Amino acid sequence: MATLDIEKLRKVRGLMTGGATEGERAAAHSRAEAIAKAAGMTLKVALSKLDAPAQPKPRSWFDDFADAMEAKEPGYKAREAAKQAERNARDARRRAEVLAAYGSEAALFIRTEREALLEAAIAPLATWDQWTDDAGTLHRFAKTLDGVASDFWNVKDITPAIREVVTSAYPWPATLAEALSEVKDWDRLRWDRGLFCRPGEWSHYAEVECRVTLLEDELKSGRPAASWDDLQARFDWKRYTEERTWIDPTPRDDPFLDRLEADFAFLKASAQAAGQESTAPNGSQAASAPQPATRRTNAQKRADVLSMLDTHPDLSDREIARRAGVSPQTVNTHRRTRKPTA
């Protein structure tokens, strides 16, 4: 059950008495009732909270953290304030983009086609509850699935019945690259909706969480790679999971994995150049006899880097280095010294 949003209720109460028209005041009253109901209260009880004296917030270790860091690293507060300002600006830009794409905040929270298919598929297994959006609209959600209730779904929580319906609600990805693409789609939807909620307030519906959990399990270890592209998707998944954990955009800093990806890119290119089947790195399909790998010359590496700088100048030095099998420093040197294409 949601906690009472005091500030939102305070604004709505102002419209209940100060609205320009009777209709506006009635709409505000209905919205206030919905806010109270979402918190498990009557409107009278909820309104009484607005006039209650504010309770002093207990101090915690975090309250003194910024002061301690400022003493240790002068300028810390200013740097953190600048970071927060950039986050706020970035979120504001993204909110504008989302509203332009969906047309309205309400449209953003309407179930997508995939969400609707999953909701229909899990209906026989679900018990239902409701949540109320800012406009007072009720939305139902599955409180339990096959008798299981969880805020954080793990593979072990997903019963065979749940697995069956969420994997068959619409086609399951045929490749690991497709699985990663779907995970990214779900993450983007969650982040976009979260921009219009209080921090940490929005999470996916249970059936979506179950599908995402199973997709991520396949990417981690659940499905053997059947192609070079599958192996690449697994590398991409590892990079994605590390970079998405940070509040601000932060490239992965792992030289060993960078080296491993570069080795893979080199071996893949060598195998394909030797005429081996690109879909059979593990021998699962017929392939021509392996040929000795031919090491690329420095001139060939330089040509590959320059080609990618021309065709994909937006890629980072690290990403181009990964694809070309060279160091990020090499890419940066070529980026700074190359002549612009006509």
Foldseek 3Di string as FASTA:
>chain_A
DDAQPQVLLVVLVCQLPPPPDPVSNVQSVLLLQLSQVLNVHGSVVSVVVNPDDDDDDDDDPVVCVQVVVCVVPPCSVVVVVVVVVVLVVVLVVLLVVVCVVQVHLVSLPDDDPLRVLLCVLQVVFFDWDWHADSSRDIDIAGCAGNNDHDPQDAPVRQDPSLVVRLCVSPDHDPALLVLVVVLVVQVVSQVNNCSVDDPPPDDDGPSVNNNNNVSVCCLAPVPDQQFLVRVVSNLVSVQVVVQVVDSDRDGDDDVVSLLVLLVSLQVLVQQVVQFFDRRHPPPPDDTPDGDDGDDDDPVVLLVQLVVCCQVPVVDQLSVSCSNSSHDSVVSVVCNVPPDHDD
